[in-house]
Amino acid sequence: MLVDFSDAVITFVLAIYPSLICMAILRLFASLGDVAGMRRLSVDASTVGEAVTYAENKFGEEFAEQVQSCRIWLNGEPTGLDVSVGDDDEIALLPPVSGGS
């Protein structure tokens, strides 16, 4: 049985038992955060690709379509989907941005 905990529950548990659950953080910027209804998500994944796939499945088709044009960074550096992630790594999904003057 798969249980999907909210970020609030995970944050609470980590505050009490920091060594109990260690997960990568998936940060969702701009339109991705709007579609998902959140800006960050804790994920239990062994690679960047697993984390992205989890989010695509969780947030649906519109989210998955937008991910296709995103840049993906791991801990502040561009990365590929096959790169391993560990405890406390931060994966950022950055959609294209337009505008300005």
N, C-alpha and C. Protein backbone atom coordinates (compact mmCIF):
# COMPACT_ATOMS: atom_id res chain seq x y z
N MET A 1 0.84 -1.17 0.00
CA MET A 1 0.00 0.00 0.00
C MET A 1 0.89 1.24 0.00
N LEU A 2 0.66 2.14 -0.92
CA LEU A 2 1.42 3.38 -1.03
C LEU A 2 0.69 4.48 -0.30
N VAL A 3 1.39 5.15 0.60
CA VAL A 3 0.81 6.24 1.36
C VAL A 3 1.48 7.53 0.91
N ASP A 4 0.70 8.52 0.55
CA ASP A 4 1.20 9.80 0.09
C ASP A 4 1.03 10.83 1.20
N PHE A 5 2.13 11.18 1.85
CA PHE A 5 2.08 12.13 2.94
C PHE A 5 2.23 13.55 2.42
N SER A 6 1.54 14.48 3.02
CA SER A 6 1.67 15.88 2.64
C SER A 6 3.00 16.42 3.13
N ASP A 7 3.46 17.52 2.54
CA ASP A 7 4.70 18.15 2.97
C ASP A 7 4.64 18.56 4.44
N ALA A 8 3.47 18.97 4.92
CA ALA A 8 3.34 19.39 6.32
C ALA A 8 3.61 18.23 7.27
N VAL A 9 3.10 17.05 6.94
CA VAL A 9 3.33 15.88 7.79
C VAL A 9 4.80 15.51 7.77
N ILE A 10 5.40 15.50 6.58
CA ILE A 10 6.82 15.16 6.46
C ILE A 10 7.67 16.16 7.24
N THR A 11 7.37 17.45 7.12
CA THR A 11 8.12 18.47 7.84
C THR A 11 8.00 18.27 9.35
N PHE A 12 6.80 17.94 9.82
CA PHE A 12 6.57 17.70 11.24
C PHE A 12 7.38 16.50 11.73
N VAL A 13 7.32 15.40 10.99
CA VAL A 13 8.05 14.19 11.39
C VAL A 13 9.55 14.46 11.39
N LEU A 14 10.04 15.14 10.38
CA LEU A 14 11.48 15.44 10.32
C LEU A 14 11.93 16.34 11.46
N ALA A 15 11.05 17.23 11.90
CA ALA A 15 11.40 18.11 13.01
C ALA A 15 11.57 17.30 14.30
N ILE A 16 10.78 16.26 14.46
CA ILE A 16 10.85 15.44 15.67
C ILE A 16 11.93 14.35 15.55
N TYR A 17 11.97 13.71 14.38
CA TYR A 17 12.90 12.62 14.14
C TYR A 17 13.69 12.88 12.87
N PRO A 18 14.67 13.77 12.90
CA PRO A 18 15.36 14.15 11.66
C PRO A 18 16.04 13.02 10.92
N SER A 19 16.46 11.96 11.63
CA SER A 19 17.15 10.87 10.95
C SER A 19 16.19 9.79 10.45
N LEU A 20 14.90 9.91 10.75
CA LEU A 20 13.93 8.88 10.39
C LEU A 20 13.66 8.84 8.89
N ILE A 21 13.39 10.00 8.30
CA ILE A 21 13.06 10.07 6.88
C ILE A 21 13.97 11.11 6.24
N CYS A 22 14.74 10.69 5.27
CA CYS A 22 15.57 11.63 4.52
C CYS A 22 15.24 11.46 3.05
N MET A 23 14.78 12.51 2.44
CA MET A 23 14.35 12.45 1.05
C MET A 23 14.91 13.63 0.28
N ALA A 24 14.95 13.46 -1.03
CA ALA A 24 15.31 14.59 -1.89
C ALA A 24 14.14 15.57 -1.92
N ILE A 25 14.46 16.82 -2.15
CA ILE A 25 13.44 17.87 -2.27
C ILE A 25 13.31 18.22 -3.75
N LEU A 26 12.09 18.20 -4.25
CA LEU A 26 11.81 18.60 -5.63
C LEU A 26 11.19 19.98 -5.58
N ARG A 27 11.87 20.97 -6.17
CA ARG A 27 11.36 22.35 -6.17
C ARG A 27 10.72 22.63 -7.52
N LEU A 28 9.52 23.19 -7.47
CA LEU A 28 8.71 23.43 -8.68
C LEU A 28 8.56 24.94 -8.86
N PHE A 29 9.13 25.45 -9.92
CA PHE A 29 9.14 26.89 -10.16
C PHE A 29 8.07 27.31 -11.17
N ALA A 30 7.66 28.56 -11.06
CA ALA A 30 6.75 29.23 -12.00
C ALA A 30 5.49 28.40 -12.27
N SER A 31 5.19 28.16 -13.54
CA SER A 31 3.94 27.49 -13.92
C SER A 31 3.82 26.07 -13.37
N LEU A 32 4.95 25.39 -13.17
CA LEU A 32 4.89 24.03 -12.61
C LEU A 32 4.33 24.05 -11.20
N GLY A 33 4.76 25.01 -10.41
CA GLY A 33 4.23 25.15 -9.06
C GLY A 33 2.75 25.48 -9.07
N ASP A 34 2.34 26.28 -10.05
CA ASP A 34 0.92 26.63 -10.18
C ASP A 34 0.08 25.40 -10.50
N VAL A 35 0.54 24.59 -11.44
CA VAL A 35 -0.20 23.39 -11.83
C VAL A 35 -0.25 22.40 -10.67
N ALA A 36 0.87 22.24 -9.98
CA ALA A 36 0.95 21.28 -8.87
C ALA A 36 0.23 21.77 -7.62
N GLY A 37 0.11 23.08 -7.48
CA GLY A 37 -0.50 23.63 -6.28
C GLY A 37 0.45 23.67 -5.11
N MET A 38 1.74 23.49 -5.38
CA MET A 38 2.78 23.57 -4.35
C MET A 38 4.11 23.90 -5.01
N ARG A 39 5.03 24.37 -4.22
CA ARG A 39 6.34 24.78 -4.74
C ARG A 39 7.45 23.80 -4.41
N ARG A 40 7.23 22.93 -3.43
CA ARG A 40 8.24 21.94 -3.08
C ARG A 40 7.58 20.65 -2.63
N LEU A 41 8.29 19.58 -2.88
CA LEU A 41 7.75 18.26 -2.62
C LEU A 41 8.90 17.35 -2.19
N SER A 42 8.72 16.63 -1.11
CA SER A 42 9.71 15.64 -0.68
C SER A 42 9.46 14.35 -1.43
N VAL A 43 10.52 13.78 -2.01
CA VAL A 43 10.36 12.55 -2.79
C VAL A 43 11.40 11.52 -2.37
N ASP A 44 10.97 10.28 -2.35
CA ASP A 44 11.87 9.16 -2.08
C ASP A 44 12.24 8.57 -3.43
N ALA A 45 13.40 8.94 -3.94
CA ALA A 45 13.83 8.51 -5.26
C ALA A 45 15.33 8.26 -5.26
N SER A 46 15.79 7.37 -6.13
CA SER A 46 17.23 7.11 -6.20
C SER A 46 17.91 7.87 -7.34
N THR A 47 17.10 8.38 -8.30
CA THR A 47 17.67 9.19 -9.39
C THR A 47 16.80 10.42 -9.62
N VAL A 48 17.35 11.37 -10.33
CA VAL A 48 16.59 12.56 -10.71
C VAL A 48 15.37 12.14 -11.52
N GLY A 49 15.54 11.22 -12.45
CA GLY A 49 14.45 10.76 -13.30
C GLY A 49 13.31 10.13 -12.51
N GLU A 50 13.63 9.36 -11.47
CA GLU A 50 12.58 8.78 -10.63
C GLU A 50 11.78 9.87 -9.92
N ALA A 51 12.47 10.89 -9.45
CA ALA A 51 11.79 12.00 -8.77
C ALA A 51 10.86 12.73 -9.73
N VAL A 52 11.34 12.98 -10.94
CA VAL A 52 10.53 13.68 -11.94
C VAL A 52 9.32 12.83 -12.33
N THR A 53 9.53 11.54 -12.55
CA THR A 53 8.43 10.65 -12.91
C THR A 53 7.39 10.59 -11.80
N TYR A 54 7.84 10.54 -10.55
CA TYR A 54 6.90 10.55 -9.43
C TYR A 54 6.01 11.79 -9.49
N ALA A 55 6.63 12.95 -9.71
CA ALA A 55 5.87 14.21 -9.77
C ALA A 55 4.92 14.22 -10.96
N GLU A 56 5.37 13.72 -12.10
CA GLU A 56 4.49 13.66 -13.28
C GLU A 56 3.26 12.81 -13.00
N ASN A 57 3.45 11.68 -12.35
CA ASN A 57 2.33 10.80 -12.02
C ASN A 57 1.41 11.44 -10.98
N LYS A 58 1.99 12.13 -10.03
CA LYS A 58 1.21 12.76 -8.96
C LYS A 58 0.38 13.93 -9.46
N PHE A 59 0.95 14.75 -10.35
CA PHE A 59 0.30 16.00 -10.74
C PHE A 59 -0.38 15.97 -12.10
N GLY A 60 -0.24 14.91 -12.86
CA GLY A 60 -1.04 14.73 -14.06
C GLY A 60 -0.42 15.18 -15.38
N GLU A 61 -1.26 15.08 -16.41
CA GLU A 61 -0.82 15.27 -17.79
C GLU A 61 -0.32 16.68 -18.08
N GLU A 62 -1.03 17.70 -17.61
CA GLU A 62 -0.59 19.08 -17.86
C GLU A 62 0.79 19.33 -17.27
N PHE A 63 1.00 18.85 -16.07
CA PHE A 63 2.30 18.97 -15.41
C PHE A 63 3.37 18.25 -16.23
N ALA A 64 3.09 17.00 -16.61
CA ALA A 64 4.05 16.19 -17.38
C ALA A 64 4.41 16.85 -18.71
N GLU A 65 3.44 17.45 -19.37
CA GLU A 65 3.72 18.15 -20.64
C GLU A 65 4.65 19.33 -20.42
N GLN A 66 4.45 20.07 -19.34
CA GLN A 66 5.30 21.23 -19.06
C GLN A 66 6.72 20.81 -18.69
N VAL A 67 6.85 19.68 -18.03
CA VAL A 67 8.18 19.20 -17.63
C VAL A 67 9.07 18.97 -18.85
N GLN A 68 8.46 18.59 -19.97
CA GLN A 68 9.24 18.29 -21.18
C GLN A 68 10.10 19.47 -21.64
N SER A 69 9.69 20.70 -21.33
CA SER A 69 10.46 21.87 -21.77
C SER A 69 11.29 22.49 -20.64
N CYS A 70 11.35 21.81 -19.52
CA CYS A 70 12.06 22.35 -18.35
C CYS A 70 13.56 22.06 -18.39
N ARG A 71 14.29 22.93 -17.73
CA ARG A 71 15.68 22.63 -17.37
C ARG A 71 15.63 22.00 -16.00
N ILE A 72 16.51 21.04 -15.78
CA ILE A 72 16.54 20.34 -14.50
C ILE A 72 17.91 20.54 -13.87
N TRP A 73 17.89 20.97 -12.62
CA TRP A 73 19.13 21.22 -11.89
C TRP A 73 19.14 20.39 -10.61
N LEU A 74 20.32 19.96 -10.21
CA LEU A 74 20.50 19.24 -8.96
C LEU A 74 21.52 20.00 -8.13
N ASN A 75 21.09 20.45 -6.97
CA ASN A 75 21.95 21.20 -6.05
C ASN A 75 22.65 22.38 -6.73
N GLY A 76 21.88 23.10 -7.56
CA GLY A 76 22.38 24.31 -8.18
C GLY A 76 23.19 24.12 -9.45
N GLU A 77 23.21 22.91 -9.99
CA GLU A 77 23.96 22.62 -11.22
C GLU A 77 23.06 21.87 -12.21
N PRO A 78 23.22 22.14 -13.52
CA PRO A 78 22.45 21.38 -14.52
C PRO A 78 22.73 19.88 -14.36
N THR A 79 21.71 19.06 -14.61
CA THR A 79 21.87 17.62 -14.40
C THR A 79 21.08 16.82 -15.42
N GLY A 80 21.32 15.55 -15.45
CA GLY A 80 20.58 14.62 -16.29
C GLY A 80 19.65 13.77 -15.46
N LEU A 81 18.75 13.06 -16.11
CA LEU A 81 17.76 12.25 -15.42
C LEU A 81 18.34 11.01 -14.76
N ASP A 82 19.49 10.53 -15.24
CA ASP A 82 20.08 9.30 -14.71
C ASP A 82 21.01 9.53 -13.53
N VAL A 83 21.14 10.77 -13.07
CA VAL A 83 22.04 11.09 -11.96
C VAL A 83 21.41 10.66 -10.64
N SER A 84 22.21 10.02 -9.79
CA SER A 84 21.73 9.56 -8.48
C SER A 84 21.46 10.73 -7.56
N VAL A 85 20.46 10.56 -6.71
CA VAL A 85 20.17 11.55 -5.67
C VAL A 85 20.19 10.84 -4.32
N GLY A 86 20.51 11.63 -3.31
CA GLY A 86 20.55 11.10 -1.96
C GLY A 86 19.79 12.01 -1.02
N ASP A 87 19.97 11.72 0.24
CA ASP A 87 19.31 12.48 1.28
C ASP A 87 19.64 13.97 1.16
N ASP A 88 18.62 14.77 1.26
CA ASP A 88 18.75 16.22 1.28
C ASP A 88 19.21 16.86 -0.02
N ASP A 89 19.28 16.11 -1.13
CA ASP A 89 19.56 16.74 -2.42
C ASP A 89 18.36 17.56 -2.85
N GLU A 90 18.63 18.62 -3.62
CA GLU A 90 17.55 19.48 -4.09
C GLU A 90 17.52 19.46 -5.62
N ILE A 91 16.38 19.02 -6.16
CA ILE A 91 16.16 18.97 -7.60
C ILE A 91 15.24 20.12 -7.96
N ALA A 92 15.65 20.94 -8.91
CA ALA A 92 14.83 22.08 -9.33
C ALA A 92 14.36 21.87 -10.76
N LEU A 93 13.05 22.04 -10.97
CA LEU A 93 12.47 22.01 -12.32
C LEU A 93 12.18 23.45 -12.72
N LEU A 94 12.86 23.90 -13.77
CA LEU A 94 12.81 25.30 -14.19
C LEU A 94 12.18 25.41 -15.58
N PRO A 95 10.90 25.81 -15.65
CA PRO A 95 10.28 25.99 -16.97
C PRO A 95 10.85 27.22 -17.67
N PRO A 96 10.71 27.28 -19.00
CA PRO A 96 11.17 28.47 -19.72
C PRO A 96 10.41 29.71 -19.24
N VAL A 97 11.11 30.81 -19.20
CA VAL A 97 10.51 32.07 -18.76
C VAL A 97 10.63 33.06 -19.89
N SER A 98 9.55 33.81 -20.13
CA SER A 98 9.59 34.86 -21.16
C SER A 98 9.07 36.15 -20.53
N GLY A 99 9.31 37.21 -21.25
CA GLY A 99 8.81 38.50 -20.76
C GLY A 99 9.96 39.45 -20.49
N GLY A 100 9.67 40.51 -19.80
CA GLY A 100 10.68 41.51 -19.50
C GLY A 100 10.64 42.63 -20.49
N SER A 101 11.47 43.62 -20.26
CA SER A 101 11.51 44.74 -21.21
C SER A 101 12.92 45.18 -21.45
